[in-house]
């Protein structure tokens, strides 16, 4: 079996058996196709450890980040482990493939005061009743108030929300469902959007939609539009025009820990499978504490 065929069979298994998200399957497929191009679409049994090392070396010379190399190493190891388990190869060349050590990169986080200013500004703009302004305010309040991923937010339907209780039912990675809380400001913003904005946007569509957040033409709001919104409104306060919706998720988690929230509670809120993933936010909190100490303490 050639690499091309094997990669598609592996991707099919990831999607239908392991039920990974489309974005994760796409990432695996893209990384493995890069390997396939490096090997010239060789027969699967002909690919050995030296091929894999050469592939990573070429990526290093291209200037790929260590995080990219680590991800590709992980994809290759998972692929050849699967091929070995399926009996497609006699020996697994990925067993001795070592990923480069990742550098620790702390996520971009906005201060609580900066986000308060941004959200207050959006609330003032929304008070004029313009449908898109009402929607944008509700989107950012819910992203920050609940810490959900952008894919989870865009996937919400109206029936997934319980405004009385201040909770949303979201479908996370691996098709895992969880219920997340959100606060009073988000409840107010979403309530105003539902009564004053969503009906106007929905009337622009040819067919009705169950989606909570709608685009300007009345269809389900896409992730790209949310990225643009966050970059425009939150980018200036974190000093980066490349900031995305995850900055609000990072900020929500960090501010919860700053306020004394339990790490495991934050893990459940964010839908992290591993506590280790959540622990990055303890580093962010520690960095902020150290910076405040250096600025304020006379003996720092």
C-alpha atoms as a PDB file:
ATOM      1  CA  UNK A   1       0.000   0.000   0.000  1.00  0.00           C
ATOM      2  CA  UNK A   2       1.323   3.408  -0.962  1.00  0.00           C
ATOM      3  CA  UNK A   3       1.536   6.280   1.473  1.00  0.00           C
ATOM      4  CA  UNK A   4      -1.387   8.132  -0.154  1.00  0.00           C
ATOM      5  CA  UNK A   5      -3.778   5.232   0.353  1.00  0.00           C
ATOM      6  CA  UNK A   6      -2.558   4.527   3.869  1.00  0.00           C
ATOM      7  CA  UNK A   7      -2.938   8.159   4.942  1.00  0.00           C
ATOM      8  CA  UNK A   8      -6.557   8.263   3.755  1.00  0.00           C
ATOM      9  CA  UNK A   9      -7.323   4.974   5.543  1.00  0.00           C
ATOM     10  CA  UNK A  10      -5.758   6.347   8.729  1.00  0.00           C
ATOM     11  CA  UNK A  11      -7.707   9.618   8.464  1.00  0.00           C
ATOM     12  CA  UNK A  12     -10.901   7.632   7.967  1.00  0.00           C
ATOM     13  CA  UNK A  13     -10.175   5.690  11.158  1.00  0.00           C
ATOM     14  CA  UNK A  14      -9.530   8.904  13.100  1.00  0.00           C
ATOM     15  CA  UNK A  15     -12.825  10.356  11.948  1.00  0.00           C
ATOM     16  CA  UNK A  16     -15.154   7.352  12.180  1.00  0.00           C
ATOM     17  CA  UNK A  17     -13.652   5.221  14.946  1.00  0.00           C
ATOM     18  CA  UNK A  18     -11.838   7.662  17.225  1.00  0.00           C
ATOM     19  CA  UNK A  19     -14.354  10.415  16.361  1.00  0.00           C
ATOM     20  CA  UNK A  20     -11.786  13.195  16.353  1.00  0.00           C
ATOM     21  CA  UNK A  21     -12.899  16.639  15.253  1.00  0.00           C
ATOM     22  CA  UNK A  22     -12.704  17.566  11.543  1.00  0.00           C
ATOM     23  CA  UNK A  23     -10.006  20.139  12.352  1.00  0.00           C
ATOM     24  CA  UNK A  24      -7.845  17.518  14.120  1.00  0.00           C
ATOM     25  CA  UNK A  25      -8.258  15.007  11.289  1.00  0.00           C
ATOM     26  CA  UNK A  26      -7.354  17.714   8.783  1.00  0.00           C
ATOM     27  CA  UNK A  27      -4.203  18.554  10.759  1.00  0.00           C
ATOM     28  CA  UNK A  28      -3.110  14.890  10.809  1.00  0.00           C
ATOM     29  CA  UNK A  29      -3.794  14.545   7.101  1.00  0.00           C
ATOM     30  CA  UNK A  30      -1.857  17.704   6.201  1.00  0.00           C
ATOM     31  CA  UNK A  31       1.192  16.676   8.250  1.00  0.00           C
ATOM     32  CA  UNK A  32       1.219  13.175   6.798  1.00  0.00           C
ATOM     33  CA  UNK A  33       0.787  14.446   3.254  1.00  0.00           C
ATOM     34  CA  UNK A  34       3.898  16.538   3.812  1.00  0.00           C
ATOM     35  CA  UNK A  35       5.679  13.302   4.773  1.00  0.00           C
ATOM     36  CA  UNK A  36       4.229  11.563   1.717  1.00  0.00           C
ATOM     37  CA  UNK A  37       5.635  14.292  -0.557  1.00  0.00           C
ATOM     38  CA  UNK A  38       9.020  13.912   1.144  1.00  0.00           C
ATOM     39  CA  UNK A  39       9.078  10.159   0.444  1.00  0.00           C
ATOM     40  CA  UNK A  40       7.788  10.524  -3.117  1.00  0.00           C
ATOM     41  CA  UNK A  41       4.643   8.539  -2.239  1.00  0.00           C
ATOM     42  CA  UNK A  42       6.678   5.434  -1.534  1.00  0.00           C
ATOM     43  CA  UNK A  43       5.262   2.088  -0.544  1.00  0.00           C
ATOM     44  CA  UNK A  44       4.427   2.167   3.149  1.00  0.00           C
ATOM     45  CA  UNK A  45       6.731  -0.763   3.938  1.00  0.00           C
ATOM     46  CA  UNK A  46       9.686   1.094   2.381  1.00  0.00           C
ATOM     47  CA  UNK A  47       9.525   4.073   4.765  1.00  0.00           C
ATOM     48  CA  UNK A  48      12.051   3.695   7.576  1.00  0.00           C
ATOM     49  CA  UNK A  49      13.403   5.750  10.471  1.00  0.00           C
ATOM     50  CA  UNK A  50      15.953   7.509   8.254  1.00  0.00           C
ATOM     51  CA  UNK A  51      13.169   8.740   5.963  1.00  0.00           C
ATOM     52  CA  UNK A  52      11.363  10.185   8.968  1.00  0.00           C
ATOM     53  CA  UNK A  53      14.487  11.854  10.347  1.00  0.00           C
ATOM     54  CA  UNK A  54      15.289  13.349   6.946  1.00  0.00           C
ATOM     55  CA  UNK A  55      11.734  14.675   6.694  1.00  0.00           C
ATOM     56  CA  UNK A  56      12.033  16.431  10.058  1.00  0.00           C
ATOM     57  CA  UNK A  57      15.504  17.725   9.186  1.00  0.00           C
ATOM     58  CA  UNK A  58      14.199  19.305   5.988  1.00  0.00           C
ATOM     59  CA  UNK A  59      11.389  20.927   7.985  1.00  0.00           C
ATOM     60  CA  UNK A  60      13.984  22.266  10.436  1.00  0.00           C
ATOM     61  CA  UNK A  61      15.998  23.792   7.595  1.00  0.00           C
ATOM     62  CA  UNK A  62      12.814  25.441   6.305  1.00  0.00           C
ATOM     63  CA  UNK A  63      12.554  27.202   9.631  1.00  0.00           C
ATOM     64  CA  UNK A  64       9.490  25.359  10.991  1.00  0.00           C
ATOM     65  CA  UNK A  65       8.758  26.119  14.640  1.00  0.00           C
ATOM     66  CA  UNK A  66       9.552  23.535  17.290  1.00  0.00           C
ATOM     67  CA  UNK A  67       5.852  23.229  18.044  1.00  0.00           C
ATOM     68  CA  UNK A  68       5.220  22.334  14.372  1.00  0.00           C
ATOM     69  CA  UNK A  69       8.010  19.741  14.398  1.00  0.00           C
ATOM     70  CA  UNK A  70       6.639  18.235  17.610  1.00  0.00           C
ATOM     71  CA  UNK A  71       3.146  18.027  16.119  1.00  0.00           C
ATOM     72  CA  UNK A  72       4.439  16.367  12.953  1.00  0.00           C
ATOM     73  CA  UNK A  73       6.470  13.899  14.985  1.00  0.00           C
ATOM     74  CA  UNK A  74       3.355  12.997  16.928  1.00  0.00           C
ATOM     75  CA  UNK A  75       1.340  12.562  13.717  1.00  0.00           C
ATOM     76  CA  UNK A  76       3.981  10.281  12.164  1.00  0.00           C
ATOM     77  CA  UNK A  77       4.253   8.141  15.296  1.00  0.00           C
ATOM     78  CA  UNK A  78       0.481   7.735  15.541  1.00  0.00           C
ATOM     79  CA  UNK A  79       0.249   6.872  11.838  1.00  0.00           C
ATOM     80  CA  UNK A  80       2.937   4.177  11.876  1.00  0.00           C
ATOM     81  CA  UNK A  81       1.671   2.759  15.177  1.00  0.00           C
ATOM     82  CA  UNK A  82      -1.726   2.343  13.521  1.00  0.00           C
ATOM     83  CA  UNK A  83      -0.148   0.801  10.391  1.00  0.00           C
ATOM     84  CA  UNK A  84       1.749  -1.712  12.542  1.00  0.00           C
ATOM     85  CA  UNK A  85      -1.368  -2.630  14.533  1.00  0.00           C
ATOM     86  CA  UNK A  86      -3.272  -3.128  11.274  1.00  0.00           C
ATOM     87  CA  UNK A  87      -0.567  -5.460   9.949  1.00  0.00           C
ATOM     88  CA  UNK A  88       0.358  -3.157   7.074  1.00  0.00           C
ATOM     89  CA  UNK A  89       4.028  -3.055   8.158  1.00  0.00           C
ATOM     90  CA  UNK A  90       6.169  -5.556  10.074  1.00  0.00           C
ATOM     91  CA  UNK A  91       8.110  -3.006  12.126  1.00  0.00           C
ATOM     92  CA  UNK A  92       7.135   0.434  13.401  1.00  0.00           C
ATOM     93  CA  UNK A  93       9.745   3.041  12.291  1.00  0.00           C
ATOM     94  CA  UNK A  94       8.140   5.695  14.454  1.00  0.00           C
ATOM     95  CA  UNK A  95       9.052   4.016  17.744  1.00  0.00           C
ATOM     96  CA  UNK A  96      12.496   5.647  17.825  1.00  0.00           C
ATOM     97  CA  UNK A  97      11.437   8.959  16.303  1.00  0.00           C
ATOM     98  CA  UNK A  98      12.083  11.645  18.922  1.00  0.00           C
ATOM     99  CA  UNK A  99      10.196  14.914  18.977  1.00  0.00           C
ATOM    100  CA  UNK A 100      12.178  18.100  19.623  1.00  0.00           C
ATOM    101  CA  UNK A 101      11.562  19.582  23.040  1.00  0.00           C
ATOM    102  CA  UNK A 102       8.938  22.300  23.018  1.00  0.00           C
ATOM    103  CA  UNK A 103       9.772  25.738  24.287  1.00  0.00           C
ATOM    104  CA  UNK A 104       7.265  26.991  26.818  1.00  0.00           C
ATOM    105  CA  UNK A 105       5.147  29.703  25.238  1.00  0.00           C
ATOM    106  CA  UNK A 106       2.728  31.437  27.544  1.00  0.00           C
ATOM    107  CA  UNK A 107      -0.635  32.295  25.997  1.00  0.00           C
ATOM    108  CA  UNK A 108      -1.683  35.856  25.256  1.00  0.00           C
ATOM    109  CA  UNK A 109      -3.803  37.219  28.084  1.00  0.00           C
ATOM    110  CA  UNK A 110      -5.570  40.563  28.425  1.00  0.00           C
ATOM    111  CA  UNK A 111      -5.949  42.178  31.833  1.00  0.00           C
ATOM    112  CA  UNK A 112      -9.367  42.174  33.467  1.00  0.00           C
ATOM    113  CA  UNK A 113      -9.435  45.985  33.378  1.00  0.00           C
ATOM    114  CA  UNK A 114      -8.594  46.085  29.668  1.00  0.00           C
ATOM    115  CA  UNK A 115     -11.327  43.584  28.824  1.00  0.00           C
ATOM    116  CA  UNK A 116     -13.802  45.490  30.976  1.00  0.00           C
ATOM    117  CA  UNK A 117     -13.083  48.615  28.919  1.00  0.00           C
ATOM    118  CA  UNK A 118     -13.495  46.704  25.632  1.00  0.00           C
ATOM    119  CA  UNK A 119     -16.787  45.110  26.692  1.00  0.00           C
ATOM    120  CA  UNK A 120     -18.135  48.351  28.128  1.00  0.00           C
ATOM    121  CA  UNK A 121     -17.379  50.049  24.807  1.00  0.00           C
ATOM    122  CA  UNK A 122     -19.216  47.327  22.906  1.00  0.00           C
ATOM    123  CA  UNK A 123     -22.159  47.622  25.276  1.00  0.00           C
ATOM    124  CA  UNK A 124     -22.402  51.355  24.592  1.00  0.00           C
ATOM    125  CA  UNK A 125     -22.290  50.707  20.831  1.00  0.00           C
ATOM    126  CA  UNK A 126     -24.950  47.987  21.157  1.00  0.00           C
ATOM    127  CA  UNK A 127     -27.261  50.350  23.049  1.00  0.00           C
ATOM    128  CA  UNK A 128     -28.061  52.074  19.754  1.00  0.00           C
ATOM    129  CA  UNK A 129     -29.783  48.873  18.629  1.00  0.00           C
ATOM    130  CA  UNK A 130     -27.786  48.078  15.478  1.00  0.00           C
ATOM    131  CA  UNK A 131     -28.146  44.268  14.990  1.00  0.00           C
ATOM    132  CA  UNK A 132     -24.482  43.485  14.293  1.00  0.00           C
ATOM    133  CA  UNK A 133     -23.320  45.614  17.242  1.00  0.00           C
ATOM    134  CA  UNK A 134     -25.718  43.735  19.543  1.00  0.00           C
ATOM    135  CA  UNK A 135     -24.458  40.414  18.207  1.00  0.00           C
ATOM    136  CA  UNK A 136     -20.788  41.328  18.512  1.00  0.00           C
ATOM    137  CA  UNK A 137     -21.249  42.420  22.113  1.00  0.00           C
ATOM    138  CA  UNK A 138     -23.029  39.144  22.937  1.00  0.00           C
ATOM    139  CA  UNK A 139     -20.345  37.055  21.183  1.00  0.00           C
ATOM    140  CA  UNK A 140     -17.442  38.581  23.118  1.00  0.00           C
ATOM    141  CA  UNK A 141     -19.301  38.541  26.438  1.00  0.00           C
ATOM    142  CA  UNK A 142     -20.092  34.847  25.998  1.00  0.00           C
ATOM    143  CA  UNK A 143     -16.589  33.931  24.826  1.00  0.00           C
ATOM    144  CA  UNK A 144     -15.012  35.606  27.847  1.00  0.00           C
ATOM    145  CA  UNK A 145     -17.787  34.747  30.298  1.00  0.00           C
ATOM    146  CA  UNK A 146     -17.763  31.015  29.570  1.00  0.00           C
ATOM    147  CA  UNK A 147     -14.252  30.339  28.235  1.00  0.00           C
ATOM    148  CA  UNK A 148     -15.600  28.262  25.324  1.00  0.00           C
ATOM    149  CA  UNK A 149     -13.660  27.585  22.142  1.00  0.00           C
ATOM    150  CA  UNK A 150     -14.646  29.486  19.012  1.00  0.00           C
ATOM    151  CA  UNK A 151     -15.844  26.243  17.370  1.00  0.00           C
ATOM    152  CA  UNK A 152     -18.046  25.562  20.393  1.00  0.00           C
ATOM    153  CA  UNK A 153     -19.485  29.067  20.302  1.00  0.00           C
ATOM    154  CA  UNK A 154     -20.240  28.938  16.571  1.00  0.00           C
ATOM    155  CA  UNK A 155     -21.826  25.496  17.002  1.00  0.00           C
ATOM    156  CA  UNK A 156     -24.339  26.678  19.608  1.00  0.00           C
ATOM    157  CA  UNK A 157     -28.048  26.555  18.801  1.00  0.00           C
ATOM    158  CA  UNK A 158     -30.654  28.678  20.540  1.00  0.00           C
ATOM    159  CA  UNK A 159     -31.934  25.631  22.447  1.00  0.00           C
ATOM    160  CA  UNK A 160     -28.459  25.021  23.896  1.00  0.00           C
ATOM    161  CA  UNK A 161     -28.793  28.110  26.090  1.00  0.00           C
ATOM    162  CA  UNK A 162     -30.535  28.415  29.451  1.00  0.00           C
ATOM    163  CA  UNK A 163     -30.556  32.132  30.164  1.00  0.00           C
ATOM    164  CA  UNK A 164     -32.411  31.718  33.456  1.00  0.00           C
ATOM    165  CA  UNK A 165     -29.643  29.521  34.847  1.00  0.00           C
ATOM    166  CA  UNK A 166     -26.844  31.173  32.910  1.00  0.00           C
ATOM    167  CA  UNK A 167     -25.575  27.960  31.294  1.00  0.00           C
ATOM    168  CA  UNK A 168     -24.773  26.732  27.786  1.00  0.00           C
ATOM    169  CA  UNK A 169     -24.529  23.155  26.515  1.00  0.00           C
ATOM    170  CA  UNK A 170     -21.524  22.900  24.192  1.00  0.00           C
ATOM    171  CA  UNK A 171     -20.068  20.131  22.068  1.00  0.00           C
ATOM    172  CA  UNK A 172     -16.312  20.052  22.574  1.00  0.00           C
ATOM    173  CA  UNK A 173     -13.383  18.093  21.197  1.00  0.00           C
ATOM    174  CA  UNK A 174     -14.022  14.409  20.581  1.00  0.00           C
ATOM    175  CA  UNK A 175     -17.772  15.130  20.459  1.00  0.00           C
ATOM    176  CA  UNK A 176     -17.790  15.457  24.267  1.00  0.00           C
ATOM    177  CA  UNK A 177     -20.685  17.462  25.624  1.00  0.00           C
ATOM    178  CA  UNK A 178     -20.425  19.674  28.692  1.00  0.00           C
ATOM    179  CA  UNK A 179     -22.431  22.425  30.354  1.00  0.00           C
ATOM    180  CA  UNK A 180     -20.632  25.700  31.038  1.00  0.00           C
ATOM    181  CA  UNK A 181     -21.810  28.628  33.174  1.00  0.00           C
ATOM    182  CA  UNK A 182     -21.615  32.290  32.226  1.00  0.00           C
ATOM    183  CA  UNK A 183     -22.224  35.443  34.211  1.00  0.00           C
ATOM    184  CA  UNK A 184     -24.787  38.209  34.414  1.00  0.00           C
ATOM    185  CA  UNK A 185     -23.161  40.531  31.806  1.00  0.00           C
ATOM    186  CA  UNK A 186     -23.191  37.726  29.228  1.00  0.00           C
ATOM    187  CA  UNK A 187     -26.797  36.868  30.119  1.00  0.00           C
ATOM    188  CA  UNK A 188     -27.831  40.488  29.564  1.00  0.00           C
ATOM    189  CA  UNK A 189     -25.915  40.794  26.290  1.00  0.00           C
ATOM    190  CA  UNK A 190     -27.197  37.500  24.866  1.00  0.00           C
ATOM    191  CA  UNK A 191     -30.749  38.299  25.987  1.00  0.00           C
ATOM    192  CA  UNK A 192     -30.618  41.674  24.221  1.00  0.00           C
ATOM    193  CA  UNK A 193     -29.222  40.018  21.096  1.00  0.00           C
ATOM    194  CA  UNK A 194     -31.985  37.370  21.072  1.00  0.00           C
ATOM    195  CA  UNK A 195     -34.798  39.902  21.345  1.00  0.00           C
ATOM    196  CA  UNK A 196     -33.470  42.859  19.349  1.00  0.00           C
ATOM    197  CA  UNK A 197     -30.903  41.512  16.875  1.00  0.00           C
ATOM    198  CA  UNK A 198     -31.338  37.853  16.003  1.00  0.00           C
ATOM    199  CA  UNK A 199     -34.872  38.254  14.521  1.00  0.00           C
ATOM    200  CA  UNK A 200     -33.566  40.985  12.206  1.00  0.00           C
ATOM    201  CA  UNK A 201     -30.610  38.866  11.052  1.00  0.00           C
ATOM    202  CA  UNK A 202     -32.763  35.731  10.712  1.00  0.00           C
ATOM    203  CA  UNK A 203     -35.183  37.577   8.401  1.00  0.00           C
ATOM    204  CA  UNK A 204     -32.363  38.050   5.894  1.00  0.00           C
ATOM    205  CA  UNK A 205     -31.976  34.292   5.299  1.00  0.00           C
ATOM    206  CA  UNK A 206     -33.923  32.244   2.765  1.00  0.00           C
ATOM    207  CA  UNK A 207     -34.398  29.431   5.297  1.00  0.00           C
ATOM    208  CA  UNK A 208     -34.696  29.440   9.076  1.00  0.00           C
ATOM    209  CA  UNK A 209     -31.740  28.446  11.241  1.00  0.00           C
ATOM    210  CA  UNK A 210     -31.501  27.037  14.757  1.00  0.00           C
ATOM    211  CA  UNK A 211     -28.085  28.670  15.212  1.00  0.00           C
ATOM    212  CA  UNK A 212     -27.651  30.972  18.169  1.00  0.00           C
ATOM    213  CA  UNK A 213     -25.339  33.443  16.456  1.00  0.00           C
ATOM    214  CA  UNK A 214     -26.113  34.504  12.903  1.00  0.00           C
ATOM    215  CA  UNK A 215     -24.053  36.239  10.249  1.00  0.00           C
ATOM    216  CA  UNK A 216     -25.129  39.343   8.343  1.00  0.00           C
ATOM    217  CA  UNK A 217     -26.959  37.180   5.772  1.00  0.00           C
ATOM    218  CA  UNK A 218     -28.811  35.177   8.395  1.00  0.00           C
ATOM    219  CA  UNK A 219     -26.755  31.966   8.260  1.00  0.00           C
ATOM    220  CA  UNK A 220     -24.731  30.449  11.096  1.00  0.00           C
ATOM    221  CA  UNK A 221     -21.932  32.769  12.191  1.00  0.00           C
ATOM    222  CA  UNK A 222     -18.552  31.430  11.056  1.00  0.00           C
ATOM    223  CA  UNK A 223     -15.295  31.200  12.984  1.00  0.00           C
ATOM    224  CA  UNK A 224     -13.555  33.568  10.562  1.00  0.00           C
ATOM    225  CA  UNK A 225     -15.977  36.373  11.447  1.00  0.00           C
ATOM    226  CA  UNK A 226     -15.327  35.785  15.160  1.00  0.00           C
ATOM    227  CA  UNK A 227     -11.559  35.864  14.580  1.00  0.00           C
ATOM    228  CA  UNK A 228     -11.908  39.198  12.785  1.00  0.00           C
ATOM    229  CA  UNK A 229     -14.063  40.589  15.588  1.00  0.00           C
ATOM    230  CA  UNK A 230     -11.593  39.575  18.314  1.00  0.00           C
ATOM    231  CA  UNK A 231      -8.609  40.878  16.337  1.00  0.00           C
ATOM    232  CA  UNK A 232     -10.354  44.227  15.862  1.00  0.00           C
ATOM    233  CA  UNK A 233     -11.610  44.689  19.421  1.00  0.00           C
ATOM    234  CA  UNK A 234      -9.182  42.735  21.635  1.00  0.00           C
ATOM    235  CA  UNK A 235      -6.015  42.884  19.518  1.00  0.00           C
ATOM    236  CA  UNK A 236      -5.114  46.455  20.567  1.00  0.00           C
ATOM    237  CA  UNK A 237      -5.270  45.649  24.295  1.00  0.00           C
ATOM    238  CA  UNK A 238      -2.912  42.653  23.993  1.00  0.00           C
ATOM    239  CA  UNK A 239      -0.648  44.376  21.490  1.00  0.00           C
ATOM    240  CA  UNK A 240      -1.158  41.970  18.602  1.00  0.00           C
ATOM    241  CA  UNK A 241      -3.313  42.164  15.487  1.00  0.00           C
ATOM    242  CA  UNK A 242      -2.946  38.375  15.150  1.00  0.00           C
ATOM    243  CA  UNK A 243      -4.840  37.671  18.366  1.00  0.00           C
ATOM    244  CA  UNK A 244      -7.721  35.198  18.078  1.00  0.00           C
ATOM    245  CA  UNK A 245     -10.721  34.040  20.140  1.00  0.00           C
ATOM    246  CA  UNK A 246      -8.458  31.786  22.215  1.00  0.00           C
ATOM    247  CA  UNK A 247      -7.098  34.943  23.867  1.00  0.00           C
ATOM    248  CA  UNK A 248     -10.474  35.361  25.589  1.00  0.00           C
ATOM    249  CA  UNK A 249     -10.422  31.701  26.658  1.00  0.00           C
ATOM    250  CA  UNK A 250      -6.881  32.146  27.999  1.00  0.00           C
ATOM    251  CA  UNK A 251      -7.905  35.336  29.767  1.00  0.00           C
ATOM    252  CA  UNK A 252     -10.990  33.745  31.342  1.00  0.00           C
ATOM    253  CA  UNK A 253      -8.943  30.825  32.709  1.00  0.00           C
ATOM    254  CA  UNK A 254      -6.174  33.065  34.033  1.00  0.00           C
ATOM    255  CA  UNK A 255      -8.593  35.484  35.697  1.00  0.00           C
ATOM    256  CA  UNK A 256     -10.435  32.575  37.332  1.00  0.00           C
ATOM    257  CA  UNK A 257      -7.189  31.271  38.822  1.00  0.00           C
ATOM    258  CA  UNK A 258      -6.161  34.780  39.857  1.00  0.00           C
ATOM    259  CA  UNK A 259      -9.465  34.987  41.688  1.00  0.00           C
ATOM    260  CA  UNK A 260      -8.869  31.759  43.584  1.00  0.00           C
ATOM    261  CA  UNK A 261     -10.735  29.211  41.451  1.00  0.00           C
ATOM    262  CA  UNK A 262      -9.766  25.559  41.839  1.00  0.00           C
ATOM    263  CA  UNK A 263      -7.577  24.217  39.012  1.00  0.00           C
ATOM    264  CA  UNK A 264      -9.797  21.179  38.466  1.00  0.00           C
ATOM    265  CA  UNK A 265     -12.893  23.379  38.255  1.00  0.00           C
ATOM    266  CA  UNK A 266     -11.171  25.416  35.544  1.00  0.00           C
ATOM    267  CA  UNK A 267     -10.218  22.172  33.782  1.00  0.00           C
ATOM    268  CA  UNK A 268     -13.881  21.109  33.699  1.00  0.00           C
ATOM    269  CA  UNK A 269     -15.019  24.530  32.533  1.00  0.00           C
ATOM    270  CA  UNK A 270     -12.556  24.540  29.632  1.00  0.00           C
ATOM    271  CA  UNK A 271     -13.179  20.906  28.714  1.00  0.00           C
ATOM    272  CA  UNK A 272      -9.518  19.882  28.941  1.00  0.00           C
ATOM    273  CA  UNK A 273      -8.955  16.126  28.934  1.00  0.00           C
ATOM    274  CA  UNK A 274      -5.717  16.534  30.900  1.00  0.00           C
ATOM    275  CA  UNK A 275      -5.060  18.667  33.960  1.00  0.00           C
ATOM    276  CA  UNK A 276      -1.591  19.297  32.534  1.00  0.00           C
ATOM    277  CA  UNK A 277      -3.122  21.349  29.724  1.00  0.00           C
ATOM    278  CA  UNK A 278      -4.864  23.589  32.250  1.00  0.00           C
ATOM    279  CA  UNK A 279      -1.706  24.049  34.324  1.00  0.00           C
ATOM    280  CA  UNK A 280      -0.219  26.433  31.751  1.00  0.00           C
ATOM    281  CA  UNK A 281      -2.512  29.073  33.262  1.00  0.00           C
ATOM    282  CA  UNK A 282      -0.893  28.666  36.661  1.00  0.00           C
ATOM    283  CA  UNK A 283       2.364  29.698  34.968  1.00  0.00           C
ATOM    284  CA  UNK A 284       0.633  32.764  33.533  1.00  0.00           C
ATOM    285  CA  UNK A 285      -0.665  33.697  36.986  1.00  0.00           C
ATOM    286  CA  UNK A 286       2.797  33.167  38.474  1.00  0.00           C
ATOM    287  CA  UNK A 287       4.391  35.354  35.804  1.00  0.00           C
ATOM    288  CA  UNK A 288       1.887  38.136  36.499  1.00  0.00           C
ATOM    289  CA  UNK A 289       2.488  37.858  40.242  1.00  0.00           C
ATOM    290  CA  UNK A 290       6.255  38.013  39.730  1.00  0.00           C
ATOM    291  CA  UNK A 291       5.925  41.059  37.469  1.00  0.00           C
ATOM    292  CA  UNK A 292       3.752  42.837  40.022  1.00  0.00           C
ATOM    293  CA  UNK A 293       6.258  41.969  42.752  1.00  0.00           C
ATOM    294  CA  UNK A 294       9.179  43.345  40.756  1.00  0.00           C
ATOM    295  CA  UNK A 295       7.313  46.587  40.130  1.00  0.00           C
ATOM    296  CA  UNK A 296       5.962  47.143  43.620  1.00  0.00           C
ATOM    297  CA  UNK A 297       8.223  45.606  46.264  1.00  0.00           C
ATOM    298  CA  UNK A 298      11.016  47.886  47.546  1.00  0.00           C
ATOM    299  CA  UNK A 299      13.366  44.896  47.909  1.00  0.00           C
ATOM    300  CA  UNK A 300      12.558  43.248  44.568  1.00  0.00           C
END
